[in-house]
Amino acid sequence: MKKFLVALMAALTCFACVACAPTSVEKAEEKMQKAGYTVVAYSDKEAEGLVGGFVASNGILTGDSMTALLFETKDDATDFYSNVDDLGATLDGKWVYWGDEEAIKEFTKLF
């Protein structure tokens, strides 16, 4: 039983250290603003499967920036990703995002 509890605690610790994307465009916008980025968020009710997205930047010419799109389902995100994966995009659940490494680190960090 002790081995099981130790293994469970280790698994929970690993899970807590894993990066994760926010669950909504609003939360993503807030997270990036707290990290010092200027964020322009949008929603698109007309686009099939797209909930919305944002563009975040922390400098005009030399700063880090990223673009992220949130889809209604993982399948919608996968369909879009199949068209843009050659641009360096990342598929993460219902999110598809691309941009500078530092901006993406801020977007995906846990807290």
N, C-alpha and C. Protein backbone atom coordinates (compact mmCIF):
# COMPACT_ATOMS: atom_id res chain seq x y z
N MET A 1 0.81 -1.19 0.00
CA MET A 1 0.00 0.00 0.00
C MET A 1 0.87 1.27 0.00
N LYS A 2 1.98 1.22 0.75
CA LYS A 2 2.86 2.38 0.81
C LYS A 2 3.47 2.66 -0.56
N LYS A 3 3.83 1.61 -1.28
CA LYS A 3 4.41 1.79 -2.60
C LYS A 3 3.40 2.46 -3.54
N PHE A 4 2.14 2.05 -3.42
CA PHE A 4 1.09 2.64 -4.24
C PHE A 4 0.94 4.13 -3.94
N LEU A 5 0.93 4.49 -2.67
CA LEU A 5 0.79 5.89 -2.28
C LEU A 5 1.98 6.73 -2.74
N VAL A 6 3.18 6.16 -2.62
CA VAL A 6 4.38 6.87 -3.08
C VAL A 6 4.30 7.08 -4.59
N ALA A 7 3.89 6.06 -5.32
CA ALA A 7 3.76 6.18 -6.77
C ALA A 7 2.69 7.19 -7.14
N LEU A 8 1.59 7.21 -6.42
CA LEU A 8 0.52 8.16 -6.67
C LEU A 8 0.99 9.59 -6.41
N MET A 9 1.72 9.80 -5.34
CA MET A 9 2.24 11.13 -5.02
C MET A 9 3.25 11.58 -6.08
N ALA A 10 4.08 10.67 -6.54
CA ALA A 10 5.05 11.00 -7.59
C ALA A 10 4.33 11.38 -8.88
N ALA A 11 3.29 10.65 -9.22
CA ALA A 11 2.52 10.96 -10.43
C ALA A 11 1.84 12.31 -10.32
N LEU A 12 1.28 12.61 -9.17
CA LEU A 12 0.63 13.91 -8.97
C LEU A 12 1.64 15.05 -9.03
N THR A 13 2.82 14.83 -8.50
CA THR A 13 3.87 15.84 -8.56
C THR A 13 4.28 16.10 -10.00
N CYS A 14 4.44 15.05 -10.78
CA CYS A 14 4.80 15.20 -12.19
C CYS A 14 3.69 15.94 -12.95
N PHE A 15 2.45 15.61 -12.66
CA PHE A 15 1.31 16.26 -13.30
C PHE A 15 1.30 17.75 -12.99
N ALA A 16 1.63 18.13 -11.77
CA ALA A 16 1.63 19.53 -11.37
C ALA A 16 2.74 20.31 -12.08
N CYS A 17 3.78 19.64 -12.50
CA CYS A 17 4.91 20.31 -13.16
C CYS A 17 4.74 20.42 -14.67
N VAL A 18 3.73 19.77 -15.22
CA VAL A 18 3.52 19.77 -16.66
C VAL A 18 2.92 21.10 -17.11
N ALA A 19 3.39 21.62 -18.22
CA ALA A 19 2.86 22.86 -18.76
C ALA A 19 1.48 22.63 -19.33
N CYS A 20 0.65 23.66 -19.27
CA CYS A 20 -0.67 23.53 -19.84
C CYS A 20 -1.16 24.87 -20.35
N ALA A 21 -1.93 24.84 -21.42
CA ALA A 21 -2.50 26.04 -22.00
C ALA A 21 -3.77 26.40 -21.24
N PRO A 22 -4.14 27.68 -21.22
CA PRO A 22 -5.37 28.11 -20.56
C PRO A 22 -6.60 27.47 -21.20
N THR A 23 -7.72 27.51 -20.48
CA THR A 23 -8.93 26.85 -20.95
C THR A 23 -9.87 27.74 -21.74
N SER A 24 -9.61 29.04 -21.80
CA SER A 24 -10.45 29.95 -22.58
C SER A 24 -9.60 31.10 -23.11
N VAL A 25 -10.14 31.79 -24.10
CA VAL A 25 -9.43 32.92 -24.68
C VAL A 25 -9.27 34.02 -23.63
N GLU A 26 -10.30 34.22 -22.81
CA GLU A 26 -10.25 35.25 -21.77
C GLU A 26 -9.15 34.96 -20.75
N LYS A 27 -9.04 33.71 -20.33
CA LYS A 27 -7.98 33.34 -19.38
C LYS A 27 -6.60 33.47 -20.01
N ALA A 28 -6.50 33.12 -21.29
CA ALA A 28 -5.22 33.25 -21.99
C ALA A 28 -4.83 34.72 -22.10
N GLU A 29 -5.80 35.56 -22.44
CA GLU A 29 -5.53 37.00 -22.55
C GLU A 29 -5.05 37.55 -21.21
N GLU A 30 -5.72 37.20 -20.13
CA GLU A 30 -5.34 37.66 -18.79
C GLU A 30 -3.94 37.16 -18.41
N LYS A 31 -3.67 35.91 -18.70
CA LYS A 31 -2.37 35.31 -18.37
C LYS A 31 -1.24 36.03 -19.09
N MET A 32 -1.43 36.32 -20.36
CA MET A 32 -0.38 36.98 -21.14
C MET A 32 -0.22 38.44 -20.73
N GLN A 33 -1.32 39.11 -20.37
CA GLN A 33 -1.23 40.49 -19.90
C GLN A 33 -0.46 40.56 -18.59
N LYS A 34 -0.69 39.60 -17.70
CA LYS A 34 0.04 39.56 -16.43
C LYS A 34 1.53 39.34 -16.66
N ALA A 35 1.88 38.67 -17.76
CA ALA A 35 3.28 38.41 -18.09
C ALA A 35 3.92 39.60 -18.82
N GLY A 36 3.15 40.68 -19.02
CA GLY A 36 3.71 41.88 -19.62
C GLY A 36 3.51 42.02 -21.11
N TYR A 37 2.64 41.22 -21.68
CA TYR A 37 2.39 41.27 -23.12
C TYR A 37 1.18 42.15 -23.42
N THR A 38 1.22 42.81 -24.56
CA THR A 38 0.06 43.50 -25.09
C THR A 38 -0.72 42.47 -25.88
N VAL A 39 -2.00 42.34 -25.58
CA VAL A 39 -2.79 41.27 -26.16
C VAL A 39 -3.99 41.84 -26.91
N VAL A 40 -4.20 41.34 -28.11
CA VAL A 40 -5.40 41.65 -28.88
C VAL A 40 -6.13 40.32 -29.06
N ALA A 41 -7.24 40.18 -28.36
CA ALA A 41 -8.02 38.95 -28.42
C ALA A 41 -9.26 39.17 -29.29
N TYR A 42 -9.75 38.09 -29.85
CA TYR A 42 -10.93 38.19 -30.70
C TYR A 42 -11.71 36.89 -30.64
N SER A 43 -12.98 36.97 -30.98
CA SER A 43 -13.79 35.77 -31.10
C SER A 43 -14.44 35.81 -32.48
N ASP A 44 -14.76 34.65 -32.99
CA ASP A 44 -15.32 34.56 -34.33
C ASP A 44 -16.43 33.53 -34.34
N LYS A 45 -17.64 34.00 -34.25
CA LYS A 45 -18.80 33.10 -34.24
C LYS A 45 -19.12 32.58 -35.64
N GLU A 46 -18.60 33.23 -36.67
CA GLU A 46 -18.88 32.84 -38.05
C GLU A 46 -18.00 31.69 -38.52
N ALA A 47 -16.78 31.59 -37.98
CA ALA A 47 -15.85 30.56 -38.43
C ALA A 47 -16.24 29.22 -37.83
N GLU A 48 -16.33 28.23 -38.65
CA GLU A 48 -16.75 26.91 -38.19
C GLU A 48 -15.69 26.27 -37.31
N GLY A 49 -16.04 26.00 -36.06
CA GLY A 49 -15.14 25.33 -35.14
C GLY A 49 -14.21 26.24 -34.36
N LEU A 50 -14.06 27.49 -34.76
CA LEU A 50 -13.16 28.41 -34.08
C LEU A 50 -13.90 29.18 -33.00
N VAL A 51 -13.38 29.12 -31.78
CA VAL A 51 -13.95 29.89 -30.67
C VAL A 51 -13.41 31.31 -30.71
N GLY A 52 -12.10 31.43 -30.87
CA GLY A 52 -11.45 32.74 -30.90
C GLY A 52 -9.95 32.56 -30.78
N GLY A 53 -9.26 33.66 -30.55
CA GLY A 53 -7.82 33.60 -30.43
C GLY A 53 -7.26 34.91 -29.97
N PHE A 54 -5.95 35.03 -30.02
CA PHE A 54 -5.29 36.27 -29.65
C PHE A 54 -3.91 36.35 -30.29
N VAL A 55 -3.44 37.58 -30.34
CA VAL A 55 -2.07 37.89 -30.74
C VAL A 55 -1.46 38.63 -29.57
N ALA A 56 -0.32 38.17 -29.08
CA ALA A 56 0.34 38.79 -27.93
C ALA A 56 1.75 39.21 -28.32
N SER A 57 2.15 40.40 -27.84
CA SER A 57 3.48 40.91 -28.15
C SER A 57 3.97 41.74 -26.98
N ASN A 58 5.27 41.69 -26.71
CA ASN A 58 5.81 42.52 -25.63
C ASN A 58 6.80 43.55 -26.17
N GLY A 59 6.75 43.81 -27.45
CA GLY A 59 7.60 44.83 -28.06
C GLY A 59 7.26 44.99 -29.52
N ILE A 60 7.46 46.17 -30.03
CA ILE A 60 7.08 46.44 -31.42
C ILE A 60 8.01 45.73 -32.41
N LEU A 61 9.31 46.00 -32.32
CA LEU A 61 10.23 45.45 -33.32
C LEU A 61 11.08 44.30 -32.81
N THR A 62 11.46 44.33 -31.55
CA THR A 62 12.40 43.32 -31.06
C THR A 62 11.79 42.41 -30.01
N GLY A 63 10.53 42.56 -29.69
CA GLY A 63 9.92 41.77 -28.63
C GLY A 63 9.46 40.40 -29.10
N ASP A 64 9.08 39.60 -28.13
CA ASP A 64 8.53 38.28 -28.41
C ASP A 64 7.05 38.41 -28.72
N SER A 65 6.57 37.54 -29.57
CA SER A 65 5.14 37.55 -29.90
C SER A 65 4.68 36.14 -30.23
N MET A 66 3.37 35.97 -30.19
CA MET A 66 2.78 34.69 -30.55
C MET A 66 1.34 34.89 -30.98
N THR A 67 0.83 33.92 -31.68
CA THR A 67 -0.57 33.87 -32.07
C THR A 67 -1.12 32.54 -31.61
N ALA A 68 -2.35 32.56 -31.06
CA ALA A 68 -2.97 31.33 -30.59
C ALA A 68 -4.44 31.32 -30.98
N LEU A 69 -4.92 30.17 -31.39
CA LEU A 69 -6.32 29.99 -31.77
C LEU A 69 -6.93 28.86 -30.95
N LEU A 70 -8.12 29.10 -30.41
CA LEU A 70 -8.84 28.09 -29.62
C LEU A 70 -10.02 27.59 -30.44
N PHE A 71 -10.15 26.28 -30.52
CA PHE A 71 -11.23 25.65 -31.28
C PHE A 71 -12.23 24.98 -30.36
N GLU A 72 -13.42 24.73 -30.87
CA GLU A 72 -14.48 24.12 -30.07
C GLU A 72 -14.13 22.69 -29.67
N THR A 73 -13.51 21.95 -30.57
CA THR A 73 -13.14 20.57 -30.28
C THR A 73 -11.70 20.31 -30.69
N LYS A 74 -11.17 19.23 -30.17
CA LYS A 74 -9.81 18.83 -30.53
C LYS A 74 -9.75 18.45 -32.02
N ASP A 75 -10.81 17.87 -32.53
CA ASP A 75 -10.85 17.51 -33.95
C ASP A 75 -10.78 18.74 -34.84
N ASP A 76 -11.49 19.82 -34.46
CA ASP A 76 -11.42 21.07 -35.22
C ASP A 76 -9.99 21.62 -35.20
N ALA A 77 -9.36 21.57 -34.03
CA ALA A 77 -7.98 22.05 -33.91
C ALA A 77 -7.04 21.20 -34.77
N THR A 78 -7.24 19.90 -34.77
CA THR A 78 -6.40 19.00 -35.57
C THR A 78 -6.57 19.28 -37.06
N ASP A 79 -7.80 19.53 -37.48
CA ASP A 79 -8.04 19.84 -38.90
C ASP A 79 -7.30 21.11 -39.30
N PHE A 80 -7.37 22.15 -38.46
CA PHE A 80 -6.67 23.39 -38.77
C PHE A 80 -5.16 23.17 -38.74
N TYR A 81 -4.69 22.45 -37.72
CA TYR A 81 -3.25 22.20 -37.57
C TYR A 81 -2.67 21.49 -38.79
N SER A 82 -3.43 20.59 -39.38
CA SER A 82 -2.93 19.86 -40.54
C SER A 82 -2.61 20.79 -41.71
N ASN A 83 -3.19 21.99 -41.68
CA ASN A 83 -2.92 22.97 -42.74
C ASN A 83 -1.79 23.93 -42.41
N VAL A 84 -1.39 24.02 -41.14
CA VAL A 84 -0.38 25.02 -40.75
C VAL A 84 0.81 24.44 -40.02
N ASP A 85 0.90 23.13 -39.88
CA ASP A 85 2.00 22.55 -39.10
C ASP A 85 3.36 22.81 -39.73
N ASP A 86 3.41 23.06 -41.03
CA ASP A 86 4.69 23.37 -41.67
C ASP A 86 5.16 24.80 -41.36
N LEU A 87 4.34 25.60 -40.70
CA LEU A 87 4.72 26.95 -40.30
C LEU A 87 5.29 27.00 -38.89
N GLY A 88 5.48 25.84 -38.29
CA GLY A 88 6.03 25.79 -36.94
C GLY A 88 4.97 25.87 -35.87
N ALA A 89 3.72 25.62 -36.21
CA ALA A 89 2.63 25.67 -35.25
C ALA A 89 2.67 24.46 -34.33
N THR A 90 2.06 24.61 -33.16
CA THR A 90 1.97 23.54 -32.17
C THR A 90 0.50 23.24 -31.91
N LEU A 91 0.15 21.98 -31.87
CA LEU A 91 -1.19 21.53 -31.52
C LEU A 91 -1.17 21.11 -30.06
N ASP A 92 -2.02 21.72 -29.24
CA ASP A 92 -2.06 21.43 -27.80
C ASP A 92 -3.52 21.38 -27.38
N GLY A 93 -4.12 20.18 -27.44
CA GLY A 93 -5.53 20.04 -27.11
C GLY A 93 -6.38 20.77 -28.13
N LYS A 94 -7.16 21.75 -27.67
CA LYS A 94 -8.01 22.55 -28.55
C LYS A 94 -7.31 23.81 -29.05
N TRP A 95 -6.06 24.02 -28.65
CA TRP A 95 -5.29 25.19 -29.06
C TRP A 95 -4.33 24.86 -30.19
N VAL A 96 -4.17 25.80 -31.11
CA VAL A 96 -3.09 25.77 -32.10
C VAL A 96 -2.39 27.11 -31.96
N TYR A 97 -1.07 27.07 -31.73
CA TYR A 97 -0.34 28.32 -31.53
C TYR A 97 1.04 28.26 -32.16
N TRP A 98 1.59 29.45 -32.41
CA TRP A 98 2.92 29.58 -32.99
C TRP A 98 3.47 30.94 -32.58
N GLY A 99 4.79 31.05 -32.65
CA GLY A 99 5.43 32.31 -32.31
C GLY A 99 6.78 32.09 -31.68
N ASP A 100 7.24 33.13 -30.96
CA ASP A 100 8.55 33.09 -30.31
C ASP A 100 8.53 32.19 -29.08
N GLU A 101 9.66 31.56 -28.83
CA GLU A 101 9.78 30.58 -27.75
C GLU A 101 9.43 31.17 -26.37
N GLU A 102 9.90 32.37 -26.08
CA GLU A 102 9.63 32.97 -24.76
C GLU A 102 8.14 33.25 -24.56
N ALA A 103 7.47 33.72 -25.59
CA ALA A 103 6.03 33.99 -25.50
C ALA A 103 5.27 32.68 -25.29
N ILE A 104 5.68 31.65 -25.99
CA ILE A 104 5.02 30.35 -25.85
C ILE A 104 5.25 29.78 -24.46
N LYS A 105 6.44 29.97 -23.89
CA LYS A 105 6.71 29.52 -22.52
C LYS A 105 5.75 30.18 -21.54
N GLU A 106 5.52 31.49 -21.70
CA GLU A 106 4.58 32.21 -20.83
C GLU A 106 3.16 31.67 -21.00
N PHE A 107 2.79 31.39 -22.23
CA PHE A 107 1.45 30.90 -22.52
C PHE A 107 1.19 29.53 -21.92
N THR A 108 2.20 28.65 -21.97
CA THR A 108 2.01 27.27 -21.55
C THR A 108 2.40 26.98 -20.12
N LYS A 109 3.04 27.95 -19.43
CA LYS A 109 3.46 27.63 -18.06
C LYS A 109 2.24 27.49 -17.15
N LEU A 110 2.40 26.69 -16.11
CA LEU A 110 1.27 26.31 -15.25
C LEU A 110 0.70 27.49 -14.51
N PHE A 111 1.52 28.30 -13.90
CA PHE A 111 0.99 29.41 -13.09
C PHE A 111 1.48 30.73 -13.60
